[in-house]
């Protein structure tokens, strides 16, 4: 069983979503023509692949977790989207095709950096770009529940979470890729306690597999921590979605 196998049922439904405005804004700001070839690395259930698909000529998602790919295929069928999902790690992706855009969402920290850099160099067209994308709940007056959610979840984490906080600038440091513009969109939405519990279970280090027989205790404690914030009003959050562009020196 892969590390993310037990998170599949929660990932697409409960993770912080990228808004439709985010995808449109990125495509507009970067002046995409609609004919580009896009590769989404570590695509999971296809959130970025499907979101960007309407703005490019071809969208391909790759992921090493079979369950995630099944969810991505199902989402593509529901959306009637013309996308391709393939079972592969980036480092081992067997193709001679080249891509104008390579997107990497919540997968940067799982890549084997030297081999992944070589593969990106091989797959990316000369004037292509890499987009490092992410979506997260922003600390704000609209989300007083966020600290209780994070504090409760982290009490059950048994590994160093700093490995998940790699950013594109550090990852591409001392390479011939340089950071370009950063495109951010903020979306306000409502979220339920059930969705937040599912969000916690979608994290690899508080997944059902990692929690084991502590899962019921974890869910009960998380619901209790969120209850004071949901009794008188719906929970609200601001989600910041961001795409940071990285280009080869020669493409600047």
Protein backbone atom coordinates (compact mmCIF):
# COMPACT_ATOMS: atom_id res chain seq x y z
CA UNK A 1 0.00 0.00 0.00
CA UNK A 2 1.38 3.41 -0.95
CA UNK A 3 1.68 6.19 1.59
CA UNK A 4 -1.34 8.01 0.17
CA UNK A 5 -3.59 5.01 -0.43
CA UNK A 6 -5.65 5.61 2.70
CA UNK A 7 -6.06 9.35 1.94
CA UNK A 8 -7.68 8.94 -1.47
CA UNK A 9 -11.32 9.13 -0.36
CA UNK A 10 -10.66 12.42 1.48
CA UNK A 11 -8.13 14.18 -0.75
CA UNK A 12 -10.17 15.65 -3.61
CA UNK A 13 -13.25 16.25 -1.47
CA UNK A 14 -11.65 17.85 1.58
CA UNK A 15 -8.24 19.36 0.76
CA UNK A 16 -8.10 23.13 0.37
CA UNK A 17 -9.46 23.61 -3.15
CA UNK A 18 -7.99 25.68 -5.95
CA UNK A 19 -10.65 28.12 -7.13
CA UNK A 20 -11.77 28.37 -10.75
CA UNK A 21 -10.59 31.99 -10.66
CA UNK A 22 -7.08 30.77 -9.86
CA UNK A 23 -6.81 28.67 -13.01
CA UNK A 24 -8.23 31.40 -15.22
CA UNK A 25 -5.97 34.05 -13.67
CA UNK A 26 -2.83 31.97 -14.18
CA UNK A 27 -3.69 31.24 -17.81
CA UNK A 28 -4.46 34.91 -18.47
CA UNK A 29 -1.40 36.31 -16.67
CA UNK A 30 0.95 33.91 -18.45
CA UNK A 31 -0.76 34.54 -21.81
CA UNK A 32 -1.35 30.91 -22.63
CA UNK A 33 -2.56 30.35 -26.18
CA UNK A 34 -4.60 27.22 -25.47
CA UNK A 35 -2.31 24.98 -27.50
CA UNK A 36 0.27 24.26 -24.79
CA UNK A 37 1.20 20.78 -23.57
CA UNK A 38 1.01 20.51 -19.77
CA UNK A 39 2.40 17.84 -17.44
CA UNK A 40 1.11 17.72 -13.85
CA UNK A 41 3.61 15.94 -11.59
CA UNK A 42 2.27 14.04 -8.59
CA UNK A 43 -1.23 14.81 -9.82
CA UNK A 44 -3.08 12.96 -7.05
CA UNK A 45 -6.81 13.02 -7.86
CA UNK A 46 -6.19 15.49 -10.67
CA UNK A 47 -6.98 18.83 -9.04
CA UNK A 48 -4.41 20.83 -11.02
CA UNK A 49 -4.61 18.68 -14.14
CA UNK A 50 -8.36 19.14 -14.48
CA UNK A 51 -8.29 22.77 -13.41
CA UNK A 52 -5.78 23.79 -16.06
CA UNK A 53 -7.08 21.43 -18.79
CA UNK A 54 -9.54 23.94 -20.34
CA UNK A 55 -6.70 26.42 -20.89
CA UNK A 56 -4.21 24.15 -22.69
CA UNK A 57 -4.16 21.87 -25.69
CA UNK A 58 -3.14 18.76 -23.78
CA UNK A 59 -3.02 17.95 -20.06
CA UNK A 60 -1.25 14.86 -18.69
CA UNK A 61 -1.11 13.92 -15.01
CA UNK A 62 1.29 11.38 -13.51
CA UNK A 63 1.25 9.86 -10.02
CA UNK A 64 2.76 6.75 -8.37
CA UNK A 65 -0.36 5.96 -6.28
CA UNK A 66 -2.90 3.78 -8.17
CA UNK A 67 -5.79 4.82 -5.93
CA UNK A 68 -5.17 8.49 -6.67
CA UNK A 69 -5.17 7.77 -10.40
CA UNK A 70 -8.49 5.93 -10.10
CA UNK A 71 -9.96 9.00 -8.38
CA UNK A 72 -8.48 11.25 -11.08
CA UNK A 73 -9.96 9.11 -13.87
CA UNK A 74 -13.37 9.22 -12.18
CA UNK A 75 -13.18 13.00 -11.78
CA UNK A 76 -12.23 13.38 -15.45
CA UNK A 77 -15.18 11.24 -16.49
CA UNK A 78 -17.54 13.36 -14.38
CA UNK A 79 -16.10 16.56 -15.86
CA UNK A 80 -16.07 15.10 -19.39
CA UNK A 81 -12.50 16.38 -19.58
CA UNK A 82 -10.05 15.29 -22.25
CA UNK A 83 -7.04 14.55 -20.05
CA UNK A 84 -4.61 11.67 -19.64
CA UNK A 85 -3.53 10.13 -16.35
CA UNK A 86 -0.54 7.80 -16.17
CA UNK A 87 1.02 5.70 -13.42
CA UNK A 88 4.56 6.95 -12.97
CA UNK A 89 6.96 8.87 -10.81
CA UNK A 90 8.50 11.90 -12.46
CA UNK A 91 11.99 10.47 -12.12
CA UNK A 92 10.98 7.33 -14.05
CA UNK A 93 8.52 8.84 -16.53
CA UNK A 94 9.20 7.02 -19.83
CA UNK A 95 8.38 9.48 -22.60
CA UNK A 96 10.12 11.36 -25.36
CA UNK A 97 7.41 14.02 -25.40
CA UNK A 98 8.27 17.53 -24.27
CA UNK A 99 5.98 19.88 -22.38
CA UNK A 100 5.54 23.65 -22.39
CA UNK A 101 4.28 23.69 -18.80
CA UNK A 102 5.16 21.43 -15.88
CA UNK A 103 3.04 21.88 -12.77
CA UNK A 104 3.96 20.56 -9.33
CA UNK A 105 1.47 20.98 -6.52
CA UNK A 106 1.69 19.25 -3.16
CA UNK A 107 4.39 16.89 -4.36
CA UNK A 108 7.64 18.86 -4.41
CA UNK A 109 8.92 17.37 -1.14
CA UNK A 110 8.38 13.80 -2.38
CA UNK A 111 10.61 14.18 -5.44
CA UNK A 112 14.16 12.84 -5.50
CA UNK A 113 15.73 16.18 -6.30
CA UNK A 114 18.76 15.36 -8.53
CA UNK A 115 16.88 12.82 -10.66
CA UNK A 116 13.75 14.99 -10.77
CA UNK A 117 15.75 18.04 -11.91
CA UNK A 118 17.32 16.03 -14.70
CA UNK A 119 13.92 14.78 -15.82
CA UNK A 120 12.39 18.28 -15.76
CA UNK A 121 15.28 19.52 -17.89
CA UNK A 122 14.66 16.65 -20.31
CA UNK A 123 10.88 17.10 -20.53
CA UNK A 124 10.56 20.89 -20.60
CA UNK A 125 10.63 22.77 -23.89
CA UNK A 126 13.35 25.40 -24.30
CA UNK A 127 11.02 28.29 -23.47
CA UNK A 128 8.76 26.32 -21.15
CA UNK A 129 8.03 27.03 -17.49
CA UNK A 130 7.58 25.13 -14.24
CA UNK A 131 4.73 26.19 -11.97
CA UNK A 132 5.01 25.38 -8.27
CA UNK A 133 1.42 25.53 -7.00
CA UNK A 134 -0.24 25.42 -3.63
CA UNK A 135 -3.47 26.25 -1.83
CA UNK A 136 -3.73 26.85 1.89
CA UNK A 137 -6.08 28.36 4.46
CA UNK A 138 -4.89 31.83 5.41
CA UNK A 139 -4.84 33.01 9.00
CA UNK A 140 -7.53 35.66 9.26
CA UNK A 141 -10.38 36.92 11.41
CA UNK A 142 -12.68 34.75 9.30
CA UNK A 143 -11.00 31.54 10.47
CA UNK A 144 -10.49 31.62 14.26
CA UNK A 145 -10.80 27.82 14.21
CA UNK A 146 -7.57 27.37 12.28
CA UNK A 147 -5.19 27.38 15.25
CA UNK A 148 -7.25 24.77 17.14
CA UNK A 149 -7.40 22.62 14.00
CA UNK A 150 -3.64 22.80 13.45
CA UNK A 151 -2.70 22.34 17.09
CA UNK A 152 -4.96 19.30 17.50
CA UNK A 153 -3.78 17.65 14.30
CA UNK A 154 -0.12 18.20 15.07
CA UNK A 155 -0.41 16.44 18.42
CA UNK A 156 -0.89 13.23 16.44
CA UNK A 157 1.99 13.82 14.01
CA UNK A 158 4.98 11.60 14.68
CA UNK A 159 7.43 13.00 12.13
CA UNK A 160 9.18 16.27 11.40
CA UNK A 161 6.71 18.38 9.39
CA UNK A 162 9.44 20.69 8.09
CA UNK A 163 9.96 18.28 5.18
CA UNK A 164 6.57 19.37 3.82
CA UNK A 165 7.50 23.05 3.75
CA UNK A 166 9.97 23.00 0.87
CA UNK A 167 9.45 25.89 -1.49
CA UNK A 168 10.33 26.28 -5.12
CA UNK A 169 13.07 28.85 -4.52
CA UNK A 170 14.96 26.47 -2.22
CA UNK A 171 14.31 23.45 -4.41
CA UNK A 172 15.63 25.17 -7.55
CA UNK A 173 18.53 26.89 -5.73
CA UNK A 174 21.91 26.58 -7.47
CA UNK A 175 20.35 25.34 -10.70
CA UNK A 176 19.86 27.10 -14.02
CA UNK A 177 16.20 27.68 -13.14
CA UNK A 178 15.29 31.09 -11.77
CA UNK A 179 12.17 32.33 -10.05
CA UNK A 180 9.82 34.49 -12.09
CA UNK A 181 6.47 35.98 -11.21
CA UNK A 182 4.14 34.66 -8.54
CA UNK A 183 0.40 34.65 -9.16
CA UNK A 184 -1.94 34.55 -6.16
CA UNK A 185 -5.72 34.41 -5.83
CA UNK A 186 -7.68 34.51 -2.56
CA UNK A 187 -11.06 32.80 -2.34
CA UNK A 188 -13.56 32.98 0.54
CA UNK A 189 -15.74 29.97 1.29
CA UNK A 190 -17.59 28.06 3.98
CA UNK A 191 -16.36 24.75 5.31
CA UNK A 192 -17.96 22.13 7.55
CA UNK A 193 -16.52 20.25 10.51
CA UNK A 194 -16.86 17.02 8.53
CA UNK A 195 -14.81 18.52 5.70
CA UNK A 196 -12.10 19.63 8.12
CA UNK A 197 -11.92 16.18 9.68
CA UNK A 198 -11.60 14.76 6.17
CA UNK A 199 -8.93 17.35 5.39
CA UNK A 200 -6.90 16.18 8.37
CA UNK A 201 -7.30 12.56 7.24
CA UNK A 202 -6.12 13.56 3.74
CA UNK A 203 -2.71 14.57 5.14
CA UNK A 204 -0.19 11.79 4.78
CA UNK A 205 1.04 12.11 8.38
CA UNK A 206 -2.46 12.03 9.88
CA UNK A 207 -3.89 9.60 7.34
CA UNK A 208 -5.98 6.62 8.44
CA UNK A 209 -2.97 4.41 7.75
CA UNK A 210 -0.67 6.49 9.96
CA UNK A 211 -3.23 6.91 12.76
CA UNK A 212 -4.12 3.23 12.89
CA UNK A 213 -6.13 2.43 16.01
CA UNK A 214 -5.86 6.09 17.14
CA UNK A 215 -8.15 7.27 14.33
CA UNK A 216 -11.40 7.34 16.32
CA UNK A 217 -9.71 9.17 19.18
CA UNK A 218 -8.19 11.65 16.69
CA UNK A 219 -11.52 12.37 15.00
CA UNK A 220 -13.29 12.83 18.34
CA UNK A 221 -10.63 15.21 19.62
CA UNK A 222 -10.65 17.23 16.39
CA UNK A 223 -14.44 17.55 16.40
CA UNK A 224 -14.36 18.66 20.03
CA UNK A 225 -11.73 21.31 19.23
CA UNK A 226 -13.82 22.67 16.34
CA UNK A 227 -17.20 22.52 18.08
CA UNK A 228 -16.99 25.94 19.82
CA UNK A 229 -16.45 27.62 16.44
CA UNK A 230 -19.34 25.91 14.68
CA UNK A 231 -22.13 26.18 17.27
CA UNK A 232 -23.34 29.69 16.40
CA UNK A 233 -22.24 30.10 12.78
CA UNK A 234 -20.82 28.25 9.84
CA UNK A 235 -17.06 27.96 9.63
CA UNK A 236 -15.47 30.26 7.09
CA UNK A 237 -12.04 30.37 5.54
CA UNK A 238 -9.92 32.32 3.11
CA UNK A 239 -7.93 30.09 0.81
CA UNK A 240 -4.87 31.48 -0.88
CA UNK A 241 -3.93 29.72 -4.12
CA UNK A 242 -0.54 30.52 -5.60
CA UNK A 243 1.49 29.57 -8.67
CA UNK A 244 5.17 30.56 -8.74
CA UNK A 245 6.89 30.47 -12.12
CA UNK A 246 10.38 29.06 -12.67
CA UNK A 247 12.20 29.52 -15.95
CA UNK A 248 15.56 28.51 -17.36
CA UNK A 249 18.09 31.35 -17.43
CA UNK A 250 18.07 31.20 -21.22
CA UNK A 251 14.26 31.63 -21.26
CA UNK A 252 14.29 34.97 -19.49
